[in-house]
Protein backbone atom coordinates (compact mmCIF):
# COMPACT_ATOMS: atom_id res chain seq x y z
CA GLU A 1 -7.85 16.96 -2.08
CA GLN A 2 -4.06 16.96 -1.73
CA ALA A 3 -2.13 16.00 1.40
CA PRO A 4 1.02 17.96 2.36
CA ASN A 5 3.28 15.49 0.50
CA SER A 6 1.28 16.15 -2.71
CA LEU A 7 -0.49 12.78 -2.65
CA ASN A 8 -4.26 12.67 -3.00
CA ARG A 9 -6.36 11.68 0.01
CA ALA A 10 -7.78 8.82 -2.07
CA THR A 11 -4.26 7.34 -2.27
CA PHE A 12 -4.08 7.07 1.53
CA ILE A 13 -7.56 5.54 1.67
CA LEU A 14 -6.53 2.99 -0.97
CA PHE A 15 -3.33 2.12 0.93
CA ALA A 16 -5.27 1.81 4.21
CA ALA A 17 -7.74 -0.54 2.47
CA MET A 18 -4.87 -2.62 1.12
CA MET A 19 -3.35 -2.91 4.60
CA GLU A 20 -6.71 -3.82 6.12
CA ALA A 21 -7.04 -6.56 3.48
CA VAL A 22 -3.56 -7.86 4.35
CA ARG A 23 -4.47 -7.92 8.04
CA GLY A 24 -7.83 -9.56 7.27
CA ALA A 25 -6.02 -12.28 5.32
CA LEU A 26 -3.69 -12.81 8.30
CA ALA A 27 -0.70 -11.98 6.11
CA ASP A 28 2.39 -9.88 6.83
CA SER A 29 2.85 -8.20 3.47
CA ILE A 30 1.86 -7.82 -0.16
CA VAL A 31 4.25 -9.05 -2.83
CA THR A 32 4.04 -6.90 -5.93
CA VAL A 33 5.71 -6.08 -9.22
CA THR A 34 5.48 -2.46 -10.25
CA ASP A 35 6.98 0.12 -12.55
CA THR A 36 9.93 1.88 -10.89
CA ARG A 37 8.17 5.21 -11.42
CA MET A 38 5.12 3.97 -9.51
CA GLU A 39 7.35 2.69 -6.69
CA ARG A 40 7.74 6.31 -5.53
CA ILE A 41 4.06 6.69 -4.59
CA PRO A 42 3.95 4.31 -1.61
CA ARG A 43 7.41 5.56 -0.55
CA ARG A 44 6.12 9.15 -0.47
CA ALA A 45 3.13 7.93 1.54
CA GLY A 46 5.44 6.34 4.12
CA TRP A 47 4.99 2.76 2.93
CA PRO A 48 8.21 1.94 1.06
CA LEU A 49 8.61 -1.13 -1.11
CA ARG A 50 11.20 -3.57 0.25
CA ARG A 51 12.85 -4.68 -2.99
CA ILE A 52 13.53 -8.34 -3.67
CA ALA A 53 16.04 -7.67 -6.46
CA ALA A 54 17.33 -4.95 -8.74
CA PRO A 55 14.91 -3.48 -11.30
CA GLN A 56 14.54 -5.46 -14.53
CA GLN A 57 13.48 -4.39 -17.99
CA VAL A 58 10.03 -5.82 -18.84
CA GLY A 59 9.06 -4.72 -22.33
CA SER A 60 9.36 -0.93 -22.34
CA THR A 61 9.11 -0.68 -18.54
CA MET A 62 11.67 -0.89 -15.77
CA ALA A 63 9.95 -3.09 -13.20
CA VAL A 64 10.79 -3.92 -9.62
CA ALA A 65 9.48 -6.69 -7.35
CA GLY A 66 9.18 -6.34 -3.62
CA PHE A 67 7.20 -6.51 -0.42
CA LEU A 68 4.86 -3.89 0.98
CA ASP A 69 5.02 -4.82 4.65
CA MET A 70 2.00 -4.48 6.93
CA SER A 71 2.33 -2.76 10.30
CA GLU A 72 -0.27 -1.27 12.59
CA GLN A 73 1.89 1.85 12.88
CA THR A 74 1.91 2.36 9.11
CA LEU A 75 -1.83 1.62 8.88
CA HIS A 76 -2.61 4.25 11.51
CA ARG A 77 -0.37 6.74 9.68
CA MET A 78 -2.47 6.11 6.53
CA TYR A 79 -5.67 6.73 8.54
CA LYS A 80 -4.25 10.00 9.82
CA GLN A 81 -3.14 11.16 6.37
CA ALA A 82 -6.53 10.16 4.91
CA ASP A 83 -8.25 12.04 7.73
CA VAL A 84 -10.30 9.01 8.81
CA ASN A 85 -10.71 7.60 12.31
CA GLY A 86 -10.62 3.91 11.53
CA PRO A 87 -11.28 1.16 9.05
CA VAL A 88 -12.04 2.09 5.46
CA LEU A 89 -13.26 -1.33 4.30
CA LEU A 90 -16.86 -2.17 5.06
CA SER A 91 -15.78 -5.45 6.59
CA PRO A 92 -12.25 -6.83 6.56
CA ASP A 93 -13.86 -10.28 7.06
CA LEU A 94 -15.12 -10.04 3.47
CA VAL A 95 -11.48 -10.34 2.40
CA ASN A 96 -11.26 -13.79 4.01
CA ALA A 97 -14.41 -14.90 2.18
CA ALA A 98 -12.94 -13.72 -1.13
CA ALA A 99 -9.58 -15.43 -0.52
């Protein structure tokens, strides 16, 4: 099922779960390294990567490091785009147990 911005509903559910995990871990953001082509997906979803530095060549890939910042506003936008009314993780507390 495609959302208006051509992203799949599952993408928004995944991003909501990631944000719930960040919140459950009492963190402010996720630090990640990703392919520059993949960087477009969270941006199109309304969750842009805040780059730490310019992209770097890693093997055959152009990679970029950055922060995906957590905000309640962005989380609720993911819920809306995923067409869910609230949490997507069974229990965000499970994240704390795993950490």
